[in-house]
Structures are given as structure tokens and as C-alpha cells.
Protein backbone atom coordinates (compact mmCIF):
# COMPACT_ATOMS: atom_id res chain seq x y z
CA MET A 1 0.00 0.00 0.00
CA ILE A 2 1.48 3.33 -1.08
CA TYR A 3 0.27 6.71 0.13
CA PHE A 4 0.58 9.58 -2.36
CA PRO A 5 0.10 12.92 -0.56
CA TYR A 6 -0.45 15.60 -3.23
CA LEU A 7 0.84 19.09 -2.39
CA ARG A 8 1.30 22.29 -4.29
CA GLY A 9 4.80 23.68 -3.84
CA ARG A 10 3.96 26.43 -1.38
CA MET A 11 6.78 27.41 0.97
CA TYR A 12 5.46 25.88 4.20
CA ASP A 13 4.31 22.69 2.43
CA LEU A 14 7.85 22.25 1.17
CA LEU A 15 9.43 23.08 4.52
CA ALA A 16 7.22 20.43 6.13
CA LEU A 17 8.32 17.80 3.62
CA LYS A 18 11.99 18.79 3.93
CA GLU A 19 12.01 18.55 7.73
CA LEU A 20 10.10 15.26 7.71
CA CYS A 21 12.64 13.78 5.31
CA GLU A 22 15.58 15.03 7.38
CA GLN A 23 14.01 13.50 10.50
CA GLU A 24 13.33 10.22 8.62
CA GLN A 25 9.60 10.56 9.22
CA LEU A 26 8.75 9.57 5.65
CA SER A 27 9.40 6.17 4.08
CA SER A 28 9.11 4.17 0.87
CA LYS A 29 5.38 3.80 1.61
CA ILE A 30 4.87 7.57 1.42
CA VAL A 31 5.54 9.14 -1.98
CA PRO A 32 4.95 12.92 -1.93
CA ILE A 33 3.73 14.38 -5.22
CA ILE A 34 4.62 18.05 -5.66
CA GLU A 35 2.89 20.27 -8.19
CA PRO A 36 5.27 23.27 -8.34
CA VAL A 37 3.78 26.74 -8.14
CA ARG A 38 6.88 28.90 -7.63
CA ASP A 39 10.51 28.90 -8.77
CA SER A 40 11.89 28.89 -5.24
CA LYS A 41 14.90 27.88 -3.22
CA GLU A 42 12.55 25.91 -0.94
CA LEU A 43 11.53 23.69 -3.86
CA GLN A 44 15.13 23.24 -4.93
CA GLN A 45 16.28 22.41 -1.39
CA THR A 46 13.41 20.02 -0.74
CA VAL A 47 14.12 18.04 -3.90
CA GLN A 48 17.81 17.90 -3.01
CA THR A 49 16.94 16.65 0.50
CA PHE A 50 14.78 13.89 -1.01
CA ILE A 51 17.69 12.89 -3.24
CA ASP A 52 20.21 12.93 -0.38
CA HIS A 53 17.97 10.68 1.73
CA ARG A 54 16.81 8.51 -1.19
CA GLN A 55 13.21 9.33 -0.35
CA PRO A 56 10.73 8.32 -3.09
CA PHE A 57 8.98 11.40 -4.50
CA SER A 58 7.56 12.99 -7.63
CA VAL A 59 7.43 16.45 -9.19
CA ILE A 60 4.67 17.12 -11.72
CA ALA A 61 6.20 17.78 -15.15
CA ASN A 62 3.34 20.01 -16.34
CA PRO A 63 1.90 21.94 -13.36
CA GLN A 64 -1.51 23.39 -14.07
CA VAL A 65 -1.74 26.08 -11.39
CA SER A 66 0.20 29.32 -10.86
CA VAL A 67 3.23 30.40 -12.91
CA TYR A 68 5.97 27.78 -12.44
CA GLY A 69 5.52 26.19 -15.85
CA LEU A 70 5.47 29.47 -17.80
CA ASN A 71 9.23 30.12 -17.81
CA ASP A 72 11.78 27.49 -18.84
CA THR A 73 14.69 29.45 -17.33
CA LYS A 74 14.70 28.88 -13.59
CA LEU A 75 16.48 30.94 -10.95
CA TYR A 76 16.51 27.80 -8.75
CA PRO A 77 16.81 24.87 -11.19
CA LEU A 78 15.94 21.47 -9.80
CA PRO A 79 18.62 18.80 -9.41
CA ALA A 80 18.68 16.03 -12.02
CA VAL A 81 16.20 13.29 -11.14
CA ASN A 82 15.67 11.37 -14.39
CA ASN A 83 18.11 8.57 -13.55
CA LEU A 84 17.05 8.03 -9.94
CA GLY A 85 15.39 4.69 -9.32
CA PHE A 86 13.32 6.07 -6.42
CA TYR A 87 11.93 8.99 -8.45
CA TYR A 88 8.43 8.75 -9.93
CA PRO A 89 8.07 10.65 -13.23
CA SER A 90 4.59 12.18 -13.24
CA ALA A 91 2.29 14.46 -15.20
CA ILE A 92 -1.27 15.70 -15.29
CA LEU A 93 -3.38 14.50 -18.20
CA ALA A 94 -4.18 17.92 -19.66
CA ALA A 95 -3.99 19.85 -22.93
CA ASP A 96 -0.20 20.23 -22.67
CA PHE A 97 0.44 16.57 -21.85
CA SER A 98 3.35 14.80 -23.55
CA SER A 99 4.31 11.16 -23.27
CA ASP A 100 7.88 12.36 -22.62
CA PHE A 101 6.71 13.53 -19.19
CA VAL A 102 6.21 9.96 -17.96
CA GLU A 103 9.14 8.18 -19.59
CA THR A 104 10.96 5.92 -17.15
CA VAL A 105 14.43 4.44 -16.73
CA LYS A 106 15.84 1.68 -14.54
CA ASN A 107 13.39 0.77 -11.78
CA GLN A 108 11.26 3.89 -11.97
CA GLN A 109 7.47 3.85 -11.89
CA SER A 110 5.46 6.54 -13.66
CA LEU A 111 2.35 8.34 -12.41
CA LEU A 112 -0.44 9.92 -14.41
CA ILE A 113 -2.91 12.23 -12.67
CA SER A 114 -6.29 12.36 -14.38
CA LYS A 115 -9.33 14.30 -13.24
CA ASN A 116 -11.26 14.40 -16.53
CA TYR A 117 -13.18 11.35 -17.75
CA GLU A 118 -13.46 12.43 -21.39
CA LEU A 119 -9.75 13.12 -21.73
CA LEU A 120 -8.85 9.84 -20.05
CA LYS A 121 -11.24 8.03 -22.38
CA ALA A 122 -9.49 9.62 -25.39
CA TYR A 123 -6.22 8.07 -24.20
CA LYS A 124 -7.75 4.67 -23.47
CA ASP A 125 -6.03 2.69 -26.24
CA THR A 126 -2.83 4.72 -26.48
CA ALA A 127 0.64 3.40 -25.81
CA VAL A 128 1.24 5.94 -23.05
CA LEU A 129 -1.71 4.73 -20.99
CA GLN A 130 -0.54 1.16 -21.42
CA ALA A 131 3.00 2.06 -20.38
CA VAL A 132 2.24 4.21 -17.34
CA ASP A 133 2.41 2.36 -14.02
CA LYS A 134 -0.30 4.11 -11.99
CA VAL A 135 -3.14 6.47 -12.79
CA LEU A 136 -4.37 8.62 -9.91
CA ILE A 137 -8.07 9.32 -10.31
CA PRO A 138 -11.05 10.46 -8.23
CA ASP A 139 -13.47 7.82 -6.99
CA VAL A 140 -15.40 7.62 -10.27
CA ALA A 141 -16.41 4.14 -11.41
CA ARG A 142 -16.24 4.79 -15.16
CA MET A 143 -12.73 6.23 -14.84
CA HIS A 144 -11.68 3.26 -12.74
CA LYS A 145 -12.97 0.95 -15.44
CA LEU A 146 -10.78 2.66 -18.06
CA VAL A 147 -7.52 2.06 -16.16
CA ASP A 148 -8.50 -1.06 -14.20
CA HIS A 149 -5.71 -2.35 -11.94
CA LYS A 150 -3.52 0.73 -12.49
CA ALA A 151 -5.96 2.97 -10.63
CA ALA A 152 -4.84 4.72 -7.46
CA LEU A 153 -7.35 6.82 -5.58
CA LEU A 154 -6.80 10.59 -5.29
CA THR A 155 -9.48 12.40 -3.32
CA ASP A 156 -9.99 15.49 -1.21
CA PRO A 157 -11.53 14.44 2.13
CA LEU A 158 -11.48 18.00 3.47
CA THR A 159 -14.86 19.73 3.45
CA PHE A 160 -14.49 23.05 1.59
CA VAL A 161 -16.18 25.99 3.29
CA ARG A 162 -16.57 29.55 2.03
CA HIS A 163 -15.81 31.07 5.41
CA VAL A 164 -13.30 29.71 7.92
CA GLU A 165 -15.69 30.20 10.82
CA ASP A 166 -18.04 27.66 9.19
CA TYR A 167 -15.69 24.90 10.39
CA ALA A 168 -17.14 25.49 13.85
CA ASP A 169 -20.37 23.88 12.62
CA LEU A 170 -18.48 20.79 11.41
CA GLU A 171 -16.15 20.43 14.42
CA ASP A 172 -15.33 16.74 13.92
CA GLU A 173 -15.76 14.80 10.68
CA PHE A 174 -14.74 11.73 8.71
CA PHE A 175 -11.51 12.36 6.75
CA GLN A 176 -10.60 9.08 5.14
CA PRO A 177 -10.48 8.75 1.33
CA ALA A 178 -9.72 5.04 1.63
CA ASP A 179 -9.02 2.68 4.48
CA TRP A 180 -5.28 3.01 5.07
CA TYR A 181 -5.10 -0.55 6.39
CA HIS A 182 -6.86 -2.22 3.44
CA GLN A 183 -7.48 -0.66 0.05
CA VAL A 184 -11.16 -0.40 -0.79
CA GLY A 185 -12.63 -0.64 -4.27
CA ASN A 186 -9.65 -2.45 -5.85
CA TYR A 187 -7.48 0.66 -6.00
CA ASP A 188 -3.71 0.26 -6.01
CA GLY A 189 -2.65 2.94 -3.54
CA PHE A 190 -4.31 6.13 -2.35
CA GLY A 191 -3.61 9.81 -2.12
CA ASP A 192 -5.12 13.02 -0.80
CA TYR A 193 -4.52 16.76 -0.50
CA SER A 194 -4.19 16.46 3.29
CA MET A 195 -5.81 19.35 5.16
CA VAL A 196 -4.78 21.84 2.45
CA GLY A 197 -7.54 20.82 0.05
CA HIS A 198 -7.54 20.61 -3.75
CA VAL A 199 -8.71 24.20 -4.33
CA TYR A 200 -5.69 26.38 -5.13
CA PHE A 201 -5.50 30.06 -4.26
CA ASP A 202 -2.44 31.90 -5.57
CA LYS A 203 -2.54 34.21 -2.57
CA GLY A 204 -4.02 33.67 0.85
CA MET A 205 -7.46 35.12 1.37
CA PRO A 206 -8.03 37.29 4.45
CA ALA A 207 -10.35 35.66 6.97
CA ARG A 208 -12.14 36.84 10.06
CA ALA A 209 -11.52 33.56 11.88
CA ILE A 210 -8.58 31.24 12.46
CA ALA A 211 -9.11 27.50 12.35
CA LEU A 212 -6.67 24.80 13.42
CA HIS A 213 -7.12 21.32 11.96
CA LEU A 214 -6.03 18.02 13.49
CA ILE A 215 -6.17 14.66 11.71
CA TYR A 216 -6.23 11.65 14.03
CA VAL A 217 -6.92 7.93 13.95
CA THR A 218 -9.59 6.30 16.13
CA LYS A 219 -9.40 2.91 17.85
CA ASP A 220 -11.21 1.24 14.94
CA GLY A 221 -8.71 2.61 12.40
CA THR A 222 -10.88 5.41 11.06
CA LEU A 223 -9.22 8.70 10.17
CA ARG A 224 -11.05 11.82 11.32
CA ILE A 225 -10.32 15.56 11.36
CA HIS A 226 -11.19 17.92 14.20
CA HIS A 227 -11.54 21.67 13.66
CA PHE A 228 -10.76 24.28 16.33
CA VAL A 229 -12.09 27.75 15.49
CA SER A 230 -11.46 31.12 17.14
CA ASP A 231 -14.32 32.99 18.81
CA SER A 232 -13.60 36.73 18.37
CA ASN A 233 -14.39 36.74 14.67
CA GLU A 234 -16.28 40.02 14.28
CA LYS A 235 -13.27 41.92 12.86
CA MET A 236 -10.35 41.04 10.58
CA SER A 237 -7.76 42.22 13.11
CA GLY A 238 -6.40 40.37 16.13
CA GLN A 239 -4.83 37.27 14.55
CA LYS A 240 -2.67 36.57 17.57
CA ASP A 241 -5.65 36.52 19.94
CA LYS A 242 -7.64 34.37 17.52
CA PHE A 243 -4.78 31.89 17.25
CA PHE A 244 -4.61 31.42 21.01
CA GLU A 245 -8.40 31.08 21.24
CA ALA A 246 -8.26 28.19 18.75
CA LEU A 247 -5.10 26.75 20.31
CA ARG A 248 -6.61 26.65 23.80
CA LYS A 249 -9.51 24.64 22.41
CA MET A 250 -7.03 22.27 20.75
CA ILE A 251 -5.01 21.86 23.95
CA ASN A 252 -8.09 21.06 26.01
CA TRP A 253 -9.43 18.59 23.46
CA CYS A 254 -6.06 16.86 22.95
CA SER A 255 -5.56 16.42 26.70
CA GLU A 256 -8.67 14.25 26.76
CA ASN A 257 -8.56 12.59 23.34
CA ILE A 258 -5.00 12.36 21.99
CA GLN A 259 -2.49 9.77 23.15
CA GLY A 260 -0.31 6.98 21.82
CA ILE A 261 0.10 6.88 18.06
CA ASN A 262 -1.69 10.21 17.58
CA ASP A 263 0.72 12.05 19.88
CA THR A 264 3.35 13.05 17.31
CA PRO A 265 6.42 15.30 17.71
CA ALA A 266 4.89 17.95 15.43
CA LEU A 267 1.69 18.05 17.45
CA LYS A 268 3.69 18.41 20.67
CA GLU A 269 5.53 21.38 19.13
CA LEU A 270 2.29 23.02 18.03
CA LEU A 271 0.69 22.57 21.45
CA SER A 272 3.80 23.93 23.17
CA TYR A 273 2.96 27.42 21.90
CA GLY A 274 0.24 27.43 24.53
CA GLN A 275 2.94 27.72 27.21
CA GLY A 276 3.91 31.21 26.01
CA ASP A 277 2.42 34.16 24.23
CA LYS A 278 4.33 34.08 20.93
CA PHE A 279 2.21 33.83 17.77
CA PRO A 280 4.26 31.68 15.34
CA GLY A 281 2.37 32.81 12.26
CA LEU A 282 -0.13 30.83 10.22
CA GLY A 283 2.58 29.46 7.92
CA MET A 284 4.32 27.72 10.82
CA VAL A 285 0.98 26.44 12.12
CA LYS A 286 0.24 24.97 8.69
CA LYS A 287 3.70 23.38 8.52
CA LEU A 288 3.34 21.68 11.90
CA SER A 289 -0.20 20.50 11.12
CA LEU A 290 1.00 18.92 7.88
CA MET A 291 3.97 17.34 9.61
CA HIS A 292 1.66 15.84 12.23
CA HIS A 293 -0.52 14.28 9.52
CA PHE A 294 2.42 12.70 7.71
CA GLU A 295 4.09 11.55 10.93
CA LEU A 296 0.83 9.83 11.80
CA MET A 297 0.53 8.23 8.35
CA ASN A 298 4.14 7.06 8.57
CA ARG A 299 3.40 5.36 11.89
CA LEU A 300 0.23 3.75 10.56
CA LEU A 301 1.71 2.44 7.32
CA ASN A 302 5.02 1.23 8.72
CA TYR A 303 4.30 -0.01 12.19
CA HIS A 304 0.64 -1.05 12.26
CA LEU A 305 0.20 -3.26 9.19
């Protein structure tokens, strides 16, 4: 069973992946897929860290969001990956798709990300679809039928809300795209967008509320996500106060509900901010929340199968 977390190459997403790799909190059962959005040193350094630690990973050859793919000359060019056996060549099946994007060497496996049924159907009998190793698709039966045993599930379990404060009405919800301990529906692997979601915004949108999100596993193996939302949401100002309002709720809830496998180093670090009055910034909060999720998945996939 391989887990394919799908992340856009935002700075704090990349910093989370880099630190996890350095701390050996990823493994061969976790293959991060990065869709680059910026020509950045963080992307360059993260890829180099993956290479140095021989961590399986993938970088989308034809990113479909933001500006990364618009300029061939990069200020921070990526290290060579084409000859690495643990690298997964990957591409999105889109108008600019080329079979060259998913060519493999040595022991490499290729990944194709497809979200559009009609386009996938058009490629049904082509050599490239026959040659690719896995096709990541949403949970759509007719798409699954087209790729059969090559299908890996890529879903977004996070409920999208228009306003952050709406998470207060959800509070605690099912997160799981597929049972991590046994693949459902004859899929070969699974992936998700973690708590970031599949909707991409080039710039962060101002919000009246702050919400912290915590993914955890229950005793029966179910993955769930709990939302902790600030209270003083009448005005846009006061982010620090809002953060500590949400954090206090998280601390209280975790003291009663989180232990054992769910008690990760990243979660401990996030909760430790409650012992002082320093606001780390939402980027750091996002990084630690992502790290917690992947530390948890690493524990589940490597030590509880």
C-alpha cells in the first residue's frame, strides 16, 4: 500500500516535507507528489533533500496552477532526477500533456494524474496509458474501469467551506479517502490533499476567523479531522488573539482525546505554543499541522500493518 500525498509547492508545504525527510519521518510507503507553483529555493532544497535521503517522491512535469511552468529558465533549477530509481516521473493528463513527461528508466514507476473522464477516455487505447504504471483518479467508477488495476485513488476528504468560521459547525468529521489498512474498491494505492484541500489560491485570502485542523486515527482505524475555530471573529484584526483562542480549544481537546500513536512530535511542538504568548504565524501552524498528519501516516503504514 502506497500513500501519495499531493501538495502544491507552497513554501510551508515544502518546509514540512523537507524537515520530515531530514528526520526520517517519511518512508518508501509515502511518496509525496509536488505540483510546483513557484521557482523557489525551498523547492530546490526540498528536492535535493529527497535525493540525499533517497526518499521516493515525484514532481509534476506540467503543473496546471500558478506560474511555475510558464518560464523554462529557472532561478533555482531542480537537481537532475531522471536517472534516480526512487523517483516517480509524473504528469497531469491535460492539454499540454506529452508522453515524454512519464518516460521511465531503470526501476522507476510513472504516475499519471487524471481528473477528466473524457480526456482519459481519449487516451484509453494509447501506448502511453498502457506504459504508465499508476493512474491517480477520483473515486469515479467509469474512470476506474478505463484504467482497471492501475488505478490509485486521489481524493480530497477535506470539506471546503466559504468562510473559515463555518468549520465550527463541522467540528469533527470523517476524513478518510480510503481505508489506510486495506485498500477499498480495488485501487492500487491512495492519495489526498491532506488538510490543504484541492482548491488552489495563488494568494491567501483574508479571513475573520482562524481554524486549526487536526487529523487523528480512532481505535477502529478510522481517520477523522477535528476543527478548532477562534471565537472573536467580528473583525479582521487580532490574529494573535484568535490563534490562542483556537489553540486553547485544541489543547483542552487533545488532553482528553490524543495519546499513543496520535501524539506526534509535530503536534507536541504546536501545542507547546500554549505555554507562552508568541504567535508563530499561520505558515508555521500549517507546517506543523501537515507534519503531524504525515508523521501519523508514517506510523500507521510502517508499524501497524
